[in-house]
Protein backbone atom coordinates (compact mmCIF):
# COMPACT_ATOMS: atom_id res chain seq x y z
CA MET A 1 74.11 96.16 83.63
CA ASP A 2 75.95 93.12 82.26
CA THR A 3 79.26 93.57 80.44
CA PRO A 4 81.18 91.24 78.11
CA PHE A 5 83.92 90.90 80.77
CA PRO A 6 83.98 88.11 83.37
CA PRO A 7 83.63 89.16 87.03
CA TYR A 8 86.79 89.80 89.03
CA GLU A 9 87.07 87.02 91.62
CA PRO A 10 90.33 87.52 93.58
CA ASN A 11 90.25 84.11 95.26
CA GLY A 12 88.48 82.04 92.61
CA PRO A 13 84.83 81.28 91.84
CA ASN A 14 84.50 78.75 94.66
CA ASP A 15 85.80 80.95 97.45
CA THR A 16 83.11 81.11 100.12
CA ALA A 17 85.37 81.87 103.08
CA ARG A 18 84.42 85.52 103.02
CA GLY A 19 80.67 85.03 102.80
CA PRO A 20 78.41 85.98 99.90
CA ARG A 21 80.09 87.44 96.85
CA LEU A 22 79.78 91.21 96.71
CA ARG A 23 78.62 92.98 93.58
CA GLU A 24 81.47 95.49 93.91
CA ILE A 25 85.16 94.97 94.68
CA PRO A 26 86.96 97.43 97.01
CA LEU A 27 89.52 99.54 95.20
CA ARG A 28 92.23 98.38 97.62
CA MET A 29 91.90 94.86 96.17
CA ILE A 30 92.85 96.13 92.72
CA ILE A 31 95.78 98.45 93.56
CA PRO A 32 98.41 95.67 94.07
CA ASN A 33 97.38 94.07 90.77
CA MET A 34 97.72 97.41 89.00
CA ILE A 35 101.28 97.70 90.35
CA THR A 36 102.03 94.20 89.05
CA VAL A 37 100.66 95.11 85.61
CA LEU A 38 102.85 98.23 85.58
CA ALA A 39 105.84 96.03 86.37
CA ILE A 40 105.03 93.82 83.37
CA CYS A 41 104.73 96.93 81.20
CA ALA A 42 108.13 98.13 82.40
CA GLY A 43 109.77 94.77 81.63
CA LEU A 44 108.27 94.55 78.14
CA THR A 45 109.16 98.18 77.44
CA GLY A 46 112.74 97.37 78.43
CA ILE A 47 112.80 94.70 75.71
CA ARG A 48 111.54 97.17 73.12
CA LEU A 49 114.09 99.79 74.12
CA ALA A 50 116.88 97.22 73.85
CA PHE A 51 115.90 96.41 70.26
CA GLU A 52 115.89 100.16 69.58
CA ASN A 53 119.50 100.34 70.91
CA ARG A 54 118.43 102.54 73.83
CA TYR A 55 120.20 100.32 76.31
CA GLU A 56 120.43 102.60 79.32
CA LEU A 57 116.68 103.17 79.31
CA ALA A 58 116.17 99.43 78.74
CA VAL A 59 118.18 98.52 81.82
CA GLY A 60 116.41 101.26 83.76
CA MET A 61 113.06 99.72 82.85
CA VAL A 62 114.16 96.27 84.00
CA LEU A 63 115.36 97.71 87.30
CA LEU A 64 112.08 99.66 87.61
CA ALA A 65 110.20 96.40 87.08
CA ALA A 66 112.25 94.85 89.90
CA PHE A 67 111.35 97.77 92.18
CA LEU A 68 107.64 97.52 91.39
CA ASP A 69 107.73 93.77 91.94
CA GLY A 70 109.32 94.36 95.31
CA ILE A 71 106.55 96.64 96.52
CA ASP A 72 103.41 95.01 95.11
CA GLY A 73 103.37 92.24 97.70
CA ARG A 74 104.08 94.66 100.52
CA VAL A 75 101.31 96.98 99.33
CA ALA A 76 98.94 94.00 99.18
CA ARG A 77 99.75 93.00 102.75
CA LEU A 78 99.55 96.61 103.94
CA LEU A 79 96.11 97.06 102.39
CA LYS A 80 95.05 93.52 103.39
CA ALA A 81 94.39 92.86 99.71
CA THR A 82 96.28 89.60 99.19
CA SER A 83 94.54 87.13 96.87
CA LYS A 84 95.16 84.02 94.79
CA PHE A 85 94.67 86.12 91.65
CA GLY A 86 97.39 88.51 92.77
CA GLY A 87 99.76 85.64 93.50
CA GLN A 88 99.31 84.22 90.01
CA MET A 89 99.77 87.66 88.45
CA ASP A 90 102.96 88.16 90.44
CA SER A 91 104.38 84.84 89.20
CA LEU A 92 103.64 85.71 85.58
CA ALA A 93 105.21 89.15 86.04
CA ASP A 94 108.34 87.59 87.53
CA ILE A 95 109.03 85.30 84.58
CA VAL A 96 108.67 88.26 82.20
CA ASN A 97 110.59 90.84 84.22
CA PHE A 98 113.36 88.68 85.70
CA GLY A 99 113.66 85.91 83.14
CA VAL A 100 112.76 87.01 79.63
CA ALA A 101 113.50 90.75 79.78
CA PRO A 102 117.05 90.59 81.25
CA ALA A 103 117.97 87.71 78.93
CA LEU A 104 116.87 89.57 75.80
CA VAL A 105 118.42 92.88 76.88
CA LEU A 106 121.70 91.11 77.59
CA TYR A 107 121.57 89.21 74.30
CA VAL A 108 120.90 92.27 72.18
CA PHE A 109 123.62 94.26 73.94
CA VAL A 110 126.51 91.77 73.95
CA LEU A 111 125.63 88.07 73.77
CA ASP A 112 124.74 88.24 70.08
CA GLN A 113 128.47 88.75 69.44
CA ALA A 114 128.95 85.15 70.57
CA ARG A 115 126.32 83.94 68.09
CA SER A 116 124.75 80.61 69.07
CA ILE A 117 126.72 80.35 72.30
CA GLY A 118 125.31 83.68 73.47
CA TRP A 119 121.77 82.65 72.57
CA ILE A 120 122.15 79.34 74.42
CA ALA A 121 123.38 81.23 77.48
CA ALA A 122 120.37 83.57 77.32
CA LEU A 123 118.03 80.58 76.99
CA ILE A 124 119.63 78.83 79.97
CA TYR A 125 119.20 81.91 82.15
CA ALA A 126 115.56 82.47 81.12
CA ILE A 127 114.65 78.82 81.69
CA ALA A 128 116.51 78.81 85.02
CA ALA A 129 114.49 81.83 86.14
CA GLY A 130 111.28 80.02 85.21
CA LEU A 131 112.34 76.88 87.09
CA ARG A 132 113.33 78.92 90.12
CA LEU A 133 109.95 80.67 90.20
CA ALA A 134 108.08 77.38 89.75
CA ARG A 135 109.98 75.86 92.68
CA PHE A 136 109.22 78.93 94.75
CA ASN A 137 105.49 78.59 94.08
CA VAL A 138 105.52 74.90 95.02
CA MET A 139 107.41 75.51 98.25
CA ALA A 140 105.14 78.41 99.17
CA GLU A 141 102.15 76.05 99.18
CA ARG A 142 103.60 73.80 101.85
CA GLU A 143 101.77 74.07 105.15
CA ALA A 144 104.46 72.73 107.48
CA LYS A 145 107.12 75.41 107.70
CA ALA A 146 109.68 76.25 110.32
CA SER A 147 109.38 79.54 112.19
CA TRP A 148 112.75 80.67 110.83
CA GLN A 149 111.85 80.02 107.19
CA SER A 150 112.04 83.67 106.20
CA GLU A 151 115.73 83.95 107.01
CA TYR A 152 116.95 82.33 103.79
CA PHE A 153 116.04 81.90 100.15
CA VAL A 154 116.75 78.63 98.37
CA GLY A 155 119.02 79.86 95.60
CA VAL A 156 119.43 83.44 94.45
CA PRO A 157 115.98 85.12 94.18
CA ALA A 158 114.78 86.07 90.72
CA PRO A 159 114.89 89.89 91.20
CA ALA A 160 118.48 89.68 92.43
CA GLY A 161 119.28 87.36 89.53
CA ALA A 162 118.07 89.96 87.06
CA MET A 163 120.30 92.57 88.69
CA LEU A 164 123.29 90.22 88.70
CA VAL A 165 122.99 88.94 85.14
CA LEU A 166 123.07 92.47 83.72
CA LEU A 167 126.63 93.03 84.99
CA PRO A 168 128.12 92.81 81.44
CA VAL A 169 125.75 95.58 80.38
CA TYR A 170 126.87 97.79 83.28
CA LEU A 171 130.50 97.17 82.30
CA GLY A 172 129.65 98.01 78.70
CA PHE A 173 128.24 101.34 79.81
CA LEU A 174 131.57 102.02 81.54
CA GLY A 175 133.48 101.66 78.28
CA ILE A 176 134.23 97.96 77.78
CA PRO A 177 133.55 97.23 74.09
CA PRO A 178 131.22 94.31 73.27
CA SER A 179 133.92 92.23 71.55
CA ASN A 180 133.69 88.51 70.80
CA PHE A 181 135.89 87.65 73.77
CA PHE A 182 133.80 89.79 76.10
CA ALA A 183 130.67 88.17 74.70
CA LEU A 184 132.04 84.69 75.44
CA LEU A 185 132.93 85.71 78.99
CA SER A 186 129.48 87.22 79.40
CA SER A 187 127.91 84.00 78.15
CA GLY A 188 129.75 81.98 80.77
CA TYR A 189 128.80 84.46 83.45
CA THR A 190 125.15 84.30 82.38
CA VAL A 191 125.15 80.49 82.73
CA VAL A 192 126.69 80.78 86.21
CA ILE A 193 123.95 83.17 87.34
CA GLY A 194 121.34 80.79 85.93
CA PHE A 195 122.90 78.00 87.99
CA LEU A 196 122.76 80.15 91.13
CA LEU A 197 119.04 80.69 90.56
CA VAL A 198 118.21 76.98 90.54
CA SER A 199 120.81 75.91 93.10
CA ARG A 200 120.06 75.00 96.71
CA LEU A 201 122.49 77.64 97.93
CA PRO A 202 121.12 79.27 101.10
CA VAL A 203 120.89 83.01 100.47
CA TRP A 204 120.13 85.35 103.33
CA SER A 205 116.82 87.07 102.63
CA GLY A 206 117.09 89.93 105.11
CA LYS A 207 113.49 89.27 106.20
CA SER A 208 114.11 87.67 109.56
CA GLU A 209 111.46 88.77 112.04
CA GLY A 210 114.04 88.81 114.79
CA SER A 211 116.32 91.27 113.03
CA ARG A 212 117.10 94.27 115.13
CA ILE A 213 119.48 97.19 114.85
CA ARG A 214 121.26 98.81 117.76
CA ARG A 215 120.11 102.30 118.64
CA ASP A 216 123.57 103.77 118.16
CA LEU A 217 123.70 102.38 114.62
CA VAL A 218 120.38 103.80 113.41
CA LEU A 219 121.75 107.17 112.28
CA PRO A 220 124.82 105.69 110.55
CA ALA A 221 122.53 103.25 108.75
CA ILE A 222 120.33 106.10 107.53
CA LEU A 223 123.38 108.03 106.37
CA PHE A 224 124.66 104.95 104.52
CA VAL A 225 121.34 104.60 102.67
CA VAL A 226 121.47 108.28 101.73
CA PHE A 227 125.06 107.88 100.53
CA TYR A 228 124.15 104.82 98.46
CA VAL A 229 121.18 106.51 96.80
CA ALA A 230 123.28 109.62 96.09
CA THR A 231 126.05 107.60 94.45
CA LEU A 232 123.46 105.57 92.53
CA MET A 233 122.05 108.78 91.08
CA SER A 234 125.43 110.35 90.35
CA PHE A 235 127.52 107.30 89.37
CA THR A 236 124.80 104.86 88.37
CA TRP A 237 126.72 102.14 86.55
CA GLU A 238 129.79 102.24 88.79
CA THR A 239 127.48 101.83 91.77
CA MET A 240 125.61 98.96 90.11
CA VAL A 241 128.88 97.14 89.38
CA LEU A 242 129.97 97.49 93.01
CA THR A 243 126.52 96.39 94.17
CA VAL A 244 126.69 93.23 92.07
CA LEU A 245 130.20 92.40 93.28
CA ALA A 246 129.20 93.02 96.89
CA TYR A 247 126.13 90.79 96.54
CA LEU A 248 128.17 87.96 95.01
CA ALA A 249 130.76 88.34 97.77
CA THR A 250 128.11 87.86 100.47
CA LEU A 251 126.84 84.53 99.07
CA PRO A 252 129.55 82.35 100.68
CA PHE A 253 129.01 84.06 104.01
CA GLY A 254 125.27 83.37 103.86
CA ALA A 255 125.91 79.69 103.13
CA ARG A 256 128.48 79.52 105.93
CA ALA A 257 126.07 81.13 108.40
CA TRP A 258 123.40 78.59 107.45
CA GLN A 259 125.87 75.73 107.83
CA LYS A 260 127.00 76.99 111.22
CA LYS A 261 123.45 77.48 112.48
CA TYR A 262 121.86 74.31 111.23
CA GLY A 263 124.82 72.06 110.46
CA GLN A 264 123.15 70.55 107.38
CA TRP A 265 124.73 72.26 104.40
CA THR A 266 127.02 69.28 103.59
CA ALA A 267 124.27 66.72 104.17
CA PRO A 268 122.80 64.99 101.07
CA PRO A 269 119.61 66.62 99.73
CA THR A 270 116.42 65.17 101.23
CA ASP A 271 112.77 66.14 101.38
CA SER A 272 113.24 67.22 104.99
CA ASP A 273 116.01 69.58 103.89
CA ASP A 274 113.61 71.20 101.44
CA ASP A 275 111.07 71.65 104.22
CA GLU A 276 113.60 73.31 106.51
CA LEU A 277 115.26 75.51 103.90
CA ALA A 278 111.98 77.14 102.92
CA ASP A 279 111.39 80.02 100.55
CA THR A 280 109.69 83.31 101.26
CA ARG A 281 107.97 85.75 98.93
CA GLU A 282 110.46 87.35 96.57
C-alpha cells in the first residue's frame, strides 16, 4: 500500500552497493536515527525551559543532548547501521544542540544583561560551532588519512564546547548574581570558547586505538569513575565547574604532546598539516 511519505533510503536513492533495494528496512537501521532525533528534542526543549526561567532543567537538557549525541554514533557502529542519512542527521543535531541551544540558554540566563555585546557574543559562539562542524564534515570526507588520525581533534569538539561555554551558568547556580560586570566577563569568555572551536589547536580525543591501561590501574580507574558520578549527582554544579576548569587546563598539554610527537605545531598552516591533523567523529 502506497503512503504519502517518501521511502527511507539510508544511503541515498542511487546506492546500489548493497544490491537490490529491499521493501522493508531493518529496525536496527532506524534506532541510531531515533536517538539523534531525541537529542534534537532535548536541545530544543532546553531552549524552551530557558525562556521559562527553568534554567537548571534547561542546562540538564543540553547536557542530555550531548550524551545522546555521544552514543548515537557508537550505537550505529555497534549495530552496523551507519548510513549517509544518519551522518547528515547527526550534523544537523550538532548545530542545534551544541551551537544554538547553549548560546540561547547562556544569553537568556546572563548575556542579556550585557545587551548588544552579550547578543554578539552568543552569535559568535553559535556561528563558530557551525563553522567547526562544517570543517569536521569536510575533513571526514578525505580519503587519505594517517593511521594516528583519531588521537587528536582539530580545535575543541562541539560537545565539549557546549559544556565549556555554559560555565557562567554553572557559576550562577552557585550564587554568583548575573550582574552587568559578570555578563561582560561571560561575553568575553563566550567569544574565547568560540575561538577555541574554530582554532587549529590539537585537542586530545581519547580515541587512540593504541590506548591501554595497566592492569594495576584498572580498579582505581573504576573507583575514580564511580567517585566522579557520585559527586556529579550530589554536587552537580560544583563538579561541572571543576570539570570545565580541568578540561581547559589539559588543552596546553595536548598541544605540547602533539608538538613533541610531530614537531609541526609552530610550522605555518599548510594543506598537508590539515591532512595530518585529521578529525574524528565527535
